[in-house]
C-alpha cells in the first residue's frame, strides 16, 4: 500500500513468490511496487533491520552501531540502574571527539527495548479485593502546600487522615506536632468513635517517624502501647514495608484527593487565613463531612461488618510528673509552662496530648494548658507557654521585673499589648514603662476587659499617644466595684424577752 513501509512478512512472501513469478507479478501479489521489489533484491536485509540502522528523518549512519554491543550493553548488564543520560555522558567522556547528543532519544528507546527483552525482572503490584469492614488505614501528610495561616501567621502542621478502604469514609484532623503515638492514638480513636464501629484490621506505614529520636527502650514501649491500643479495639495491626508507598496506596491516593478538595474549598472561601486554629479545624471537618455524605450508601453496607466499639476509650496520651518551681511553673520537654502560683512546690501529674496538657494534683484535675513545642535551636533555650493571669499578682508587687523577664514577649496576651510595651519602652524611663505596663495587665485581669482594653490601646497608639494608666483605670472600673458602707442595726437584748413572752401567750 503506498505511503506505508513494508513488513518483514511481506518481504519473505515476496521472496518466496519470486521463485515462480517474475518481479512485477511477485511485487503486486506481495502488495508493494516493482521498485520496492528491486530494492529488496538489491539489499536482502529485512525492513526492521534496515530501520534499526537508520536514524529518524534521514539515512545517515547509526552513531551507536559501533558502541552498542561493545560498550553500552556491558554497561547495562553490569549496572542495570544506569539511566540513558548517564550512559550518554559516559560514552562522551570515553570518546571526546564524538557528539552523541542527537542520538539521545534513539539511545533511550533502544535501552527501553533492551530492558524489556534482557533486563531484570520487575516488581509486580498485586491488586487486592477489599471486603466491607475489613480494613481501615491511617497516615499523616504535610499541610504546608495548602498555605493556611492563623491570624496572618504561617502555622506548620500535619493532618492525620483515616479512611475505610471499602466505603471510602474518611476522618481528618489537625496535628500541631509531628507524627507521634499520641497523635496517632488520639486521631484513630476520634475516627472510630465518630464512625461508631471498628474495622477488623488497621494498617499504617512503618511508623518510623513516630518513633524518631527515641531511645530503644522508648521505641519498644510505644510499640507495646500501639499493640495494646489495637487489642483494646480488637483490630489486627498491620504495616507496609518501609519505603514501599504503594503498599499503603489506598490512603496515599486519598491524601491527594483530600488536598484537592481542601484547596478548592479554600479558593471558594476567598481566603486561607483563619482567626484561630479551631476555625481551621471546623472548616476541615466540614469539608470531610461533605465527602462522607456522598459515601453514605457504601458506608451503610460496611457498617454491618464493623465490630462494636469497646466500653471506653483507650489511653491516647503520654504521662509525666513535673515539679512546680519558685518561678511559678515547670519545664516539660524543653518548654516552660506557668501555672497558678499556689501550686509552687507541688508535684503534678501531666497528661500530654497533641494540643494540650492536662494537670492533676492528687488525682484531681486542676488545670489545662495549651501544648508548647520545643524550639528548633538544638541544645539550650526553651520555649515558653505563659498565661499572664498566673503571675500578675506577684508581678504587680515587683513591676521592675518585667524589664528583663525571660519570657516577657510571651507574657503579653495580645499583640496590642506588645505594641504598647514597645511604645512605652521607647518613650519613658524603664521603671515608669514597667509600672504602667504591669498596671495595664492587672487592669485587664482584674476588670476582665482584656479585649476592650486592647482595642482602646490601639486607638491611643494610632493617635501617636501613650496610655494614661489612671484614666484607663477610671474608664474600665466596673460599676459596683466601689466599696459600700453597710449599716447594721443591732437590737436591744430586752426585745428578745418580749418575743418570748408573746410566744408563751400565743401558746
Protein backbone atom coordinates (compact mmCIF):
# COMPACT_ATOMS: atom_id res chain seq x y z
CA UNK A 1 0.00 0.00 0.00
CA UNK A 2 1.52 3.38 -0.99
CA UNK A 3 2.85 5.51 1.89
CA UNK A 4 3.28 2.60 4.32
CA UNK A 5 6.58 0.76 4.95
CA UNK A 6 6.64 -2.91 4.11
CA UNK A 7 6.90 -5.54 6.80
CA UNK A 8 9.25 -8.45 7.26
CA UNK A 9 6.38 -10.81 6.42
CA UNK A 10 5.77 -9.05 3.10
CA UNK A 11 9.41 -9.35 2.16
CA UNK A 12 9.54 -13.05 2.98
CA UNK A 13 6.35 -13.64 0.96
CA UNK A 14 7.78 -11.70 -2.00
CA UNK A 15 10.98 -13.74 -1.98
CA UNK A 16 9.02 -17.00 -1.99
CA UNK A 17 6.87 -15.75 -4.90
CA UNK A 18 9.96 -14.79 -6.91
CA UNK A 19 10.84 -18.46 -7.21
CA UNK A 20 7.87 -18.97 -9.56
CA UNK A 21 6.83 -15.48 -10.75
CA UNK A 22 8.50 -12.50 -12.42
CA UNK A 23 9.43 -9.47 -10.33
CA UNK A 24 6.44 -7.31 -11.30
CA UNK A 25 3.90 -10.05 -10.60
CA UNK A 26 5.52 -11.10 -7.32
CA UNK A 27 5.63 -7.47 -6.11
CA UNK A 28 1.95 -6.93 -6.97
CA UNK A 29 0.95 -10.13 -5.16
CA UNK A 30 3.02 -9.13 -2.09
CA UNK A 31 1.32 -5.72 -2.00
CA UNK A 32 4.04 -3.24 -2.99
CA UNK A 33 5.56 -1.66 -6.11
CA UNK A 34 8.06 -3.10 -8.56
CA UNK A 35 10.71 -0.55 -7.44
CA UNK A 36 10.37 -1.83 -3.90
CA UNK A 37 10.90 -5.36 -5.17
CA UNK A 38 14.02 -4.18 -6.96
CA UNK A 39 15.40 -2.65 -3.71
CA UNK A 40 14.69 -5.84 -1.82
CA UNK A 41 16.64 -7.94 -4.29
CA UNK A 42 19.49 -5.43 -4.16
CA UNK A 43 19.59 -5.37 -0.31
CA UNK A 44 18.22 -8.64 1.16
CA UNK A 45 18.21 -7.35 4.77
CA UNK A 46 14.79 -7.30 6.44
CA UNK A 47 12.94 -3.95 6.75
CA UNK A 48 13.19 -3.99 10.55
CA UNK A 49 16.94 -4.49 10.40
CA UNK A 50 17.33 -1.58 7.97
CA UNK A 51 15.21 0.69 10.21
CA UNK A 52 17.37 -0.07 13.28
CA UNK A 53 20.45 1.13 11.41
CA UNK A 54 18.86 4.36 10.21
CA UNK A 55 18.09 7.48 12.27
CA UNK A 56 14.63 9.06 12.08
CA UNK A 57 14.37 11.64 9.38
CA UNK A 58 17.35 10.57 7.31
CA UNK A 59 19.58 7.83 6.11
CA UNK A 60 22.77 8.77 7.92
CA UNK A 61 24.80 6.02 9.59
CA UNK A 62 23.81 4.94 13.07
CA UNK A 63 26.22 6.64 15.56
CA UNK A 64 25.52 3.90 18.13
CA UNK A 65 26.23 0.96 15.82
CA UNK A 66 29.86 0.57 16.87
CA UNK A 67 29.15 1.26 20.56
CA UNK A 68 26.04 -0.78 21.29
CA UNK A 69 27.44 -4.30 21.63
CA UNK A 70 30.94 -3.32 22.76
CA UNK A 71 30.20 -0.67 25.42
CA UNK A 72 26.51 0.06 26.00
CA UNK A 73 25.27 -3.50 26.56
CA UNK A 74 28.13 -4.34 29.01
CA UNK A 75 27.25 -1.20 31.00
CA UNK A 76 23.58 -2.22 31.17
CA UNK A 77 24.45 -5.75 32.20
CA UNK A 78 26.87 -4.71 34.95
CA UNK A 79 24.83 -1.75 36.26
CA UNK A 80 21.11 -2.15 35.40
CA UNK A 81 20.15 1.02 37.30
CA UNK A 82 22.02 3.37 34.95
CA UNK A 83 19.86 5.90 33.14
CA UNK A 84 20.31 6.61 29.41
CA UNK A 85 21.55 10.16 30.07
CA UNK A 86 24.28 8.78 32.37
CA UNK A 87 25.36 6.25 29.76
CA UNK A 88 25.42 9.02 27.15
CA UNK A 89 27.69 11.14 29.33
CA UNK A 90 30.00 8.19 30.00
CA UNK A 91 30.33 7.47 26.28
CA UNK A 92 31.17 11.11 25.50
CA UNK A 93 33.89 11.01 28.18
CA UNK A 94 35.35 7.84 26.68
CA UNK A 95 35.23 9.30 23.15
CA UNK A 96 35.91 13.06 23.41
CA UNK A 97 35.54 13.72 19.73
CA UNK A 98 32.18 12.00 19.44
CA UNK A 99 28.97 14.08 19.76
CA UNK A 100 26.14 11.75 20.76
CA UNK A 101 23.62 14.40 21.84
CA UNK A 102 21.45 13.99 18.69
CA UNK A 103 21.24 10.25 19.42
CA UNK A 104 19.79 10.65 22.93
CA UNK A 105 16.21 9.69 22.02
CA UNK A 106 17.45 6.75 19.97
CA UNK A 107 19.54 5.55 22.90
CA UNK A 108 16.61 5.88 25.32
CA UNK A 109 14.34 3.90 23.00
CA UNK A 110 16.87 1.12 22.45
CA UNK A 111 17.67 0.80 26.16
CA UNK A 112 13.97 0.56 26.96
CA UNK A 113 13.54 -2.21 24.38
CA UNK A 114 16.69 -3.98 25.59
CA UNK A 115 15.46 -3.96 29.19
CA UNK A 116 12.11 -5.33 28.10
CA UNK A 117 13.90 -8.29 26.49
CA UNK A 118 17.04 -8.77 28.58
CA UNK A 119 16.60 -6.65 31.70
CA UNK A 120 15.97 -7.84 35.28
CA UNK A 121 12.55 -8.89 36.49
CA UNK A 122 10.43 -6.01 37.78
CA UNK A 123 8.19 -5.81 40.81
CA UNK A 124 4.59 -6.81 40.25
CA UNK A 125 1.81 -5.00 42.11
CA UNK A 126 -0.99 -7.36 43.08
CA UNK A 127 -4.41 -5.71 43.10
CA UNK A 128 -6.46 -6.65 46.13
CA UNK A 129 -10.12 -7.17 46.90
CA UNK A 130 -11.25 -5.22 49.97
CA UNK A 131 -14.37 -6.70 51.58
CA UNK A 132 -16.54 -4.35 53.67
CA UNK A 133 -15.45 -3.86 57.25
CA UNK A 134 -12.08 -5.46 56.70
CA UNK A 135 -9.52 -2.65 56.63
CA UNK A 136 -9.04 0.90 57.87
CA UNK A 137 -5.89 2.90 57.13
CA UNK A 138 -4.11 5.76 58.91
CA UNK A 139 -1.40 8.14 57.82
CA UNK A 140 -0.21 11.74 58.18
CA UNK A 141 0.53 14.29 55.48
CA UNK A 142 2.12 17.73 55.49
CA UNK A 143 -0.39 20.57 55.12
CA UNK A 144 2.09 23.28 54.10
CA UNK A 145 1.00 23.04 50.47
CA UNK A 146 -2.41 24.40 51.49
CA UNK A 147 -0.76 27.65 52.74
CA UNK A 148 -3.20 28.04 55.62
CA UNK A 149 -2.40 30.85 58.07
CA UNK A 150 -3.73 31.58 61.56
CA UNK A 151 -4.24 35.29 62.25
CA UNK A 152 -1.90 36.00 59.37
CA UNK A 153 0.89 33.79 60.70
CA UNK A 154 2.10 30.62 58.93
CA UNK A 155 1.34 27.59 61.08
CA UNK A 156 3.25 24.46 60.04
CA UNK A 157 1.21 21.39 60.89
CA UNK A 158 0.27 17.91 59.76
CA UNK A 159 -3.13 16.40 59.07
CA UNK A 160 -3.98 12.97 60.42
CA UNK A 161 -6.03 11.05 57.86
CA UNK A 162 -8.07 7.87 58.42
CA UNK A 163 -10.11 6.05 55.78
CA UNK A 164 -12.13 2.87 55.40
CA UNK A 165 -10.85 1.15 52.26
CA UNK A 166 -14.17 -0.32 51.11
CA UNK A 167 -16.58 2.59 51.54
CA UNK A 168 -14.09 5.47 51.41
CA UNK A 169 -15.43 7.02 54.63
CA UNK A 170 -12.81 9.43 55.99
CA UNK A 171 -11.78 11.32 59.10
CA UNK A 172 -9.15 14.09 59.24
CA UNK A 173 -7.88 16.40 61.96
CA UNK A 174 -5.13 18.93 62.53
CA UNK A 175 -1.94 17.77 64.28
CA UNK A 176 0.20 20.65 65.53
CA UNK A 177 3.17 18.47 66.48
CA UNK A 178 4.89 15.86 64.40
CA UNK A 179 3.98 12.23 63.90
CA UNK A 180 3.78 10.60 67.32
CA UNK A 181 1.99 7.82 69.11
CA UNK A 182 -0.15 10.40 70.91
CA UNK A 183 -1.29 11.98 67.64
CA UNK A 184 -1.96 8.56 66.09
CA UNK A 185 -3.85 7.18 69.10
CA UNK A 186 -5.95 10.32 69.54
CA UNK A 187 -6.79 10.67 65.83
CA UNK A 188 -7.57 6.98 65.40
CA UNK A 189 -9.89 6.86 68.39
CA UNK A 190 -11.64 10.07 67.34
CA UNK A 191 -12.24 8.48 63.94
CA UNK A 192 -13.56 5.19 65.35
CA UNK A 193 -15.91 6.81 67.86
CA UNK A 194 -17.23 9.15 65.18
CA UNK A 195 -17.67 6.16 62.87
CA UNK A 196 -19.42 4.11 65.54
CA UNK A 197 -17.61 0.87 64.72
CA UNK A 198 -14.23 -0.78 64.32
CA UNK A 199 -12.69 -2.41 61.20
CA UNK A 200 -11.04 -5.82 61.57
CA UNK A 201 -7.60 -4.52 60.52
CA UNK A 202 -5.76 -1.23 60.98
CA UNK A 203 -2.95 -0.54 58.51
CA UNK A 204 -0.24 2.11 58.83
CA UNK A 205 3.16 2.82 57.39
CA UNK A 206 6.27 1.67 59.25
CA UNK A 207 5.68 4.34 61.98
CA UNK A 208 9.37 5.25 61.79
CA UNK A 209 8.59 8.98 62.07
CA UNK A 210 6.51 8.43 65.22
CA UNK A 211 9.44 6.71 66.92
CA UNK A 212 12.18 9.02 65.63
CA UNK A 213 14.78 10.34 68.07
CA UNK A 214 13.68 7.94 70.81
CA UNK A 215 15.81 5.58 72.80
CA UNK A 216 15.44 1.89 72.02
CA UNK A 217 13.53 1.26 75.26
CA UNK A 218 11.14 4.13 74.49
CA UNK A 219 10.56 2.78 70.98
CA UNK A 220 9.71 -0.66 72.33
CA UNK A 221 7.40 0.93 74.91
CA UNK A 222 5.50 2.82 72.20
CA UNK A 223 5.23 -0.29 70.03
CA UNK A 224 3.80 -2.14 73.02
CA UNK A 225 1.32 0.66 73.65
CA UNK A 226 0.28 0.68 69.99
CA UNK A 227 -0.28 -3.08 70.07
CA UNK A 228 -2.32 -2.66 73.27
CA UNK A 229 -4.39 0.11 71.63
CA UNK A 230 -5.28 -2.15 68.71
CA UNK A 231 -6.02 -5.02 71.12
CA UNK A 232 -8.46 -2.82 73.06
CA UNK A 233 -10.41 -2.29 69.83
CA UNK A 234 -9.90 -5.89 68.61
CA UNK A 235 -8.11 -4.68 65.48
CA UNK A 236 -5.25 -6.51 63.81
CA UNK A 237 -2.31 -4.05 63.45
CA UNK A 238 -0.51 -4.33 60.10
CA UNK A 239 2.18 -2.21 58.46
CA UNK A 240 3.54 -1.80 54.98
CA UNK A 241 7.25 -2.25 54.35
CA UNK A 242 9.42 0.80 54.86
CA UNK A 243 9.81 2.85 51.69
CA UNK A 244 7.11 0.92 49.78
CA UNK A 245 4.44 3.59 49.49
CA UNK A 246 2.14 1.67 47.15
CA UNK A 247 1.50 -0.92 49.89
CA UNK A 248 -0.40 1.86 51.67
CA UNK A 249 -1.81 3.13 48.40
CA UNK A 250 -5.45 3.22 49.44
CA UNK A 251 -4.66 6.03 51.88
CA UNK A 252 -1.82 7.63 49.90
CA UNK A 253 -4.08 8.28 46.91
CA UNK A 254 -6.75 9.69 49.21
CA UNK A 255 -4.23 12.20 50.56
CA UNK A 256 -4.09 13.80 47.14
CA UNK A 257 -7.88 13.83 46.77
CA UNK A 258 -8.35 15.38 50.22
CA UNK A 259 -5.73 18.04 49.49
CA UNK A 260 -7.51 18.89 46.24
CA UNK A 261 -10.89 19.17 47.99
CA UNK A 262 -9.41 21.38 50.70
CA UNK A 263 -7.63 23.57 48.16
CA UNK A 264 -10.81 24.04 46.13
CA UNK A 265 -12.83 24.82 49.26
CA UNK A 266 -10.24 27.37 50.39
CA UNK A 267 -10.35 29.03 46.98
CA UNK A 268 -14.15 29.26 47.18
CA UNK A 269 -13.82 30.68 50.71
CA UNK A 270 -11.75 33.51 49.29
CA UNK A 271 -9.02 33.45 51.95
CA UNK A 272 -6.71 30.91 53.53
CA UNK A 273 -6.44 32.82 56.80
CA UNK A 274 -8.36 31.78 59.92
CA UNK A 275 -8.80 33.75 63.12
CA UNK A 276 -7.97 30.75 65.31
CA UNK A 277 -6.81 27.18 64.91
CA UNK A 278 -10.26 25.97 66.00
CA UNK A 279 -11.80 27.71 62.97
CA UNK A 280 -9.45 25.77 60.69
CA UNK A 281 -10.33 22.52 62.47
CA UNK A 282 -14.04 23.23 61.95
CA UNK A 283 -13.51 24.04 58.27
CA UNK A 284 -11.57 20.79 57.76
CA UNK A 285 -14.32 18.79 59.45
CA UNK A 286 -16.95 20.39 57.21
CA UNK A 287 -15.07 19.53 54.01
CA UNK A 288 -14.59 15.92 55.13
CA UNK A 289 -18.23 15.72 56.23
CA UNK A 290 -19.47 16.73 52.78
CA UNK A 291 -17.34 13.98 51.24
CA UNK A 292 -18.66 11.39 53.69
CA UNK A 293 -22.22 12.36 52.84
CA UNK A 294 -21.57 11.12 49.29
CA UNK A 295 -20.31 7.78 50.67
CA UNK A 296 -23.47 7.17 52.71
CA UNK A 297 -24.74 4.17 50.74
CA UNK A 298 -21.38 2.35 50.74
CA UNK A 299 -20.95 3.09 54.45
CA UNK A 300 -24.36 1.61 55.20
CA UNK A 301 -23.15 -1.67 53.68
CA UNK A 302 -19.83 -1.57 55.51
CA UNK A 303 -21.37 -0.65 58.87
CA UNK A 304 -22.96 -4.10 59.08
CA UNK A 305 -19.49 -5.69 59.04
CA UNK A 306 -17.78 -3.43 61.60
CA UNK A 307 -17.05 -4.62 65.09
CA UNK A 308 -18.63 -2.81 68.04
CA UNK A 309 -16.74 -0.16 69.99
CA UNK A 310 -15.28 -1.01 73.41
CA UNK A 311 -16.94 0.34 76.53
CA UNK A 312 -14.46 3.21 76.85
CA UNK A 313 -11.60 4.89 75.02
CA UNK A 314 -8.07 3.63 75.40
CA UNK A 315 -5.14 5.73 76.60
CA UNK A 316 -4.17 8.30 73.97
CA UNK A 317 -1.73 10.46 75.89
CA UNK A 318 1.75 10.41 77.40
CA UNK A 319 2.30 10.94 81.11
CA UNK A 320 4.97 12.75 83.10
CA UNK A 321 5.48 14.08 86.61
CA UNK A 322 6.51 17.74 86.93
CA UNK A 323 7.56 19.89 89.88
CA UNK A 324 6.32 23.48 90.08
CA UNK A 325 9.33 25.64 90.96
CA UNK A 326 9.58 29.05 92.57
CA UNK A 327 9.49 30.55 89.06
CA UNK A 328 5.78 29.81 89.05
CA UNK A 329 5.92 27.00 86.53
CA UNK A 330 7.66 23.86 85.32
CA UNK A 331 9.74 22.67 82.37
CA UNK A 332 8.43 19.78 80.30
CA UNK A 333 10.15 18.64 77.09
CA UNK A 334 12.14 21.87 76.78
CA UNK A 335 9.06 24.06 77.22
CA UNK A 336 8.41 26.24 80.30
CA UNK A 337 4.76 26.43 81.40
CA UNK A 338 3.31 28.80 84.00
CA UNK A 339 0.65 27.64 86.48
CA UNK A 340 -1.16 29.37 89.34
CA UNK A 341 1.40 30.36 91.97
CA UNK A 342 -0.46 28.49 94.72
CA UNK A 343 0.90 25.28 93.14
CA UNK A 344 4.56 26.18 93.78
CA UNK A 345 6.33 23.27 95.47
CA UNK A 346 3.78 20.67 94.39
CA UNK A 347 4.39 17.70 92.09
CA UNK A 348 1.78 17.44 89.36
CA UNK A 349 0.84 14.59 87.07
CA UNK A 350 0.76 15.76 83.45
CA UNK A 351 -1.20 14.07 80.68
CA UNK A 352 0.37 15.14 77.40
CA UNK A 353 -1.91 15.34 74.37
CA UNK A 354 -1.06 16.69 70.93
CA UNK A 355 -2.64 20.10 71.56
CA UNK A 356 -2.89 20.39 75.35
CA UNK A 357 -1.55 19.28 78.72
CA UNK A 358 -3.95 18.29 81.49
CA UNK A 359 -2.57 18.69 85.03
CA UNK A 360 -3.66 16.65 88.04
CA UNK A 361 -2.94 17.17 91.73
CA UNK A 362 -3.60 14.17 93.97
CA UNK A 363 -5.67 12.63 91.20
CA UNK A 364 -7.88 15.71 90.73
CA UNK A 365 -7.82 17.81 87.53
CA UNK A 366 -6.70 21.35 88.31
CA UNK A 367 -5.52 22.99 85.07
CA UNK A 368 -5.40 22.58 81.29
CA UNK A 369 -2.60 24.29 79.35
CA UNK A 370 -2.04 24.64 75.61
CA UNK A 371 0.76 22.39 74.38
CA UNK A 372 4.03 24.12 73.52
CA UNK A 373 6.73 22.90 71.14
CA UNK A 374 10.45 22.80 71.77
CA UNK A 375 12.33 25.43 69.72
CA UNK A 376 14.33 24.22 66.76
CA UNK A 377 17.57 25.59 68.10
CA UNK A 378 19.39 22.48 69.22
CA UNK A 379 20.60 22.39 72.80
CA UNK A 380 19.97 25.29 75.13
CA UNK A 381 17.00 27.59 75.35
CA UNK A 382 13.36 26.87 75.98
CA UNK A 383 10.05 27.86 74.54
CA UNK A 384 7.53 29.39 76.93
CA UNK A 385 3.79 28.92 77.35
CA UNK A 386 2.78 31.79 79.64
CA UNK A 387 -0.56 32.92 81.00
CA UNK A 388 -0.16 36.39 82.48
CA UNK A 389 -3.02 35.73 84.90
CA UNK A 390 -0.84 33.13 86.65
CA UNK A 391 1.89 35.62 87.58
CA UNK A 392 0.28 39.07 87.53
CA UNK A 393 -0.39 39.04 91.28
CA UNK A 394 3.33 38.71 92.07
CA UNK A 395 4.43 40.89 89.16
CA UNK A 396 2.20 43.68 90.44
CA UNK A 397 4.31 43.84 93.61
CA UNK A 398 7.58 43.75 91.61
CA UNK A 399 6.84 45.61 88.34
CA UNK A 400 10.51 46.28 87.57
CA UNK A 401 10.99 42.54 87.00
CA UNK A 402 9.18 42.98 83.66
CA UNK A 403 12.15 44.77 82.09
CA UNK A 404 14.43 41.73 81.85
CA UNK A 405 11.90 38.93 82.26
CA UNK A 406 12.97 35.83 80.35
CA UNK A 407 9.50 35.20 78.93
CA UNK A 408 8.45 38.84 78.67
CA UNK A 409 7.47 38.61 74.99
CA UNK A 410 5.22 35.62 75.73
CA UNK A 411 3.62 37.38 78.72
CA UNK A 412 1.53 39.74 76.61
CA UNK A 413 -1.86 38.16 75.84
CA UNK A 414 -2.36 40.07 72.58
CA UNK A 415 -0.20 41.84 70.03
CA UNK A 416 -1.71 45.18 71.07
CA UNK A 417 -0.12 44.83 74.50
CA UNK A 418 3.25 44.03 72.96
CA UNK A 419 2.95 47.11 70.77
CA UNK A 420 2.06 49.20 73.82
CA UNK A 421 5.18 47.95 75.66
CA UNK A 422 7.40 48.85 72.73
CA UNK A 423 5.95 52.38 72.72
CA UNK A 424 6.33 52.81 76.48
CA UNK A 425 9.86 51.40 76.49
CA UNK A 426 10.93 53.78 73.73
CA UNK A 427 9.40 56.93 75.27
CA UNK A 428 9.71 56.56 79.06
CA UNK A 429 12.31 55.54 81.61
CA UNK A 430 12.33 51.78 82.09
CA UNK A 431 10.93 51.96 85.64
CA UNK A 432 7.94 54.05 84.55
CA UNK A 433 7.35 51.88 81.49
CA UNK A 434 7.32 48.73 83.64
CA UNK A 435 4.94 50.27 86.17
CA UNK A 436 2.43 51.37 83.53
CA UNK A 437 2.61 48.10 81.59
CA UNK A 438 2.12 45.94 84.66
CA UNK A 439 -0.75 48.22 85.69
CA UNK A 440 -2.41 47.68 82.31
CA UNK A 441 -2.04 43.90 82.60
CA UNK A 442 -3.52 43.97 86.08
CA UNK A 443 -6.41 46.11 84.83
CA UNK A 444 -7.10 43.61 82.02
CA UNK A 445 -7.12 40.77 84.55
CA UNK A 446 -8.93 42.45 87.44
CA UNK A 447 -11.71 44.01 85.38
CA UNK A 448 -11.94 41.15 82.80
CA UNK A 449 -11.55 43.67 79.96
CA UNK A 450 -8.63 42.22 78.01
CA UNK A 451 -10.19 42.61 74.55
CA UNK A 452 -11.79 46.01 75.21
CA UNK A 453 -8.60 47.41 76.69
CA UNK A 454 -6.61 46.11 73.71
CA UNK A 455 -8.90 47.96 71.31
CA UNK A 456 -8.57 51.17 73.36
CA UNK A 457 -4.77 50.89 73.41
CA UNK A 458 -4.75 50.51 69.60
CA UNK A 459 -6.68 53.75 69.24
CA UNK A 460 -4.31 55.59 71.60
CA UNK A 461 -1.18 54.33 69.86
CA UNK A 462 -2.57 55.03 66.38
CA UNK A 463 -3.01 58.63 67.54
CA UNK A 464 0.68 58.77 68.47
CA UNK A 465 -0.18 58.95 72.16
CA UNK A 466 0.75 56.97 75.26
CA UNK A 467 -1.75 55.31 77.60
CA UNK A 468 -2.67 57.13 80.81
CA UNK A 469 -2.98 54.38 83.41
CA UNK A 470 -5.11 56.39 85.83
CA UNK A 471 -7.52 57.46 83.11
CA UNK A 472 -7.89 53.90 81.84
CA UNK A 473 -8.48 52.59 85.37
CA UNK A 474 -11.33 55.06 85.80
CA UNK A 475 -12.74 54.24 82.36
CA UNK A 476 -12.77 50.47 82.87
CA UNK A 477 -13.76 50.44 86.53
CA UNK A 478 -16.95 48.43 86.54
CA UNK A 479 -19.99 49.71 88.46
CA UNK A 480 -20.47 48.02 91.79
CA UNK A 481 -16.80 47.56 92.47
CA UNK A 482 -16.63 50.59 94.78
CA UNK A 483 -16.77 49.73 98.49
CA UNK A 484 -20.23 50.32 100.02
CA UNK A 485 -20.81 51.09 103.71
CA UNK A 486 -23.23 48.58 105.16
CA UNK A 487 -25.19 49.82 108.23
CA UNK A 488 -26.28 47.09 110.63
CA UNK A 489 -28.83 47.93 113.37
CA UNK A 490 -28.24 45.74 116.41
CA UNK A 491 -31.44 45.33 118.51
CA UNK A 492 -31.50 45.72 122.28
CA UNK A 493 -31.31 42.47 124.30
CA UNK A 494 -34.69 43.07 126.05
CA UNK A 495 -36.53 42.86 122.75
CA UNK A 496 -35.81 39.10 122.71
CA UNK A 497 -37.69 38.84 126.09
CA UNK A 498 -40.72 40.49 124.52
CA UNK A 499 -40.63 37.90 121.70
CA UNK A 500 -40.55 35.02 124.19
CA UNK A 501 -43.47 36.46 126.18
CA UNK A 502 -45.56 36.87 123.06
CA UNK A 503 -44.85 33.24 122.08
CA UNK A 504 -45.99 31.99 125.54
CA UNK A 505 -49.21 33.98 125.34
CA UNK A 506 -49.94 32.58 121.90
CA UNK A 507 -49.41 29.04 123.19
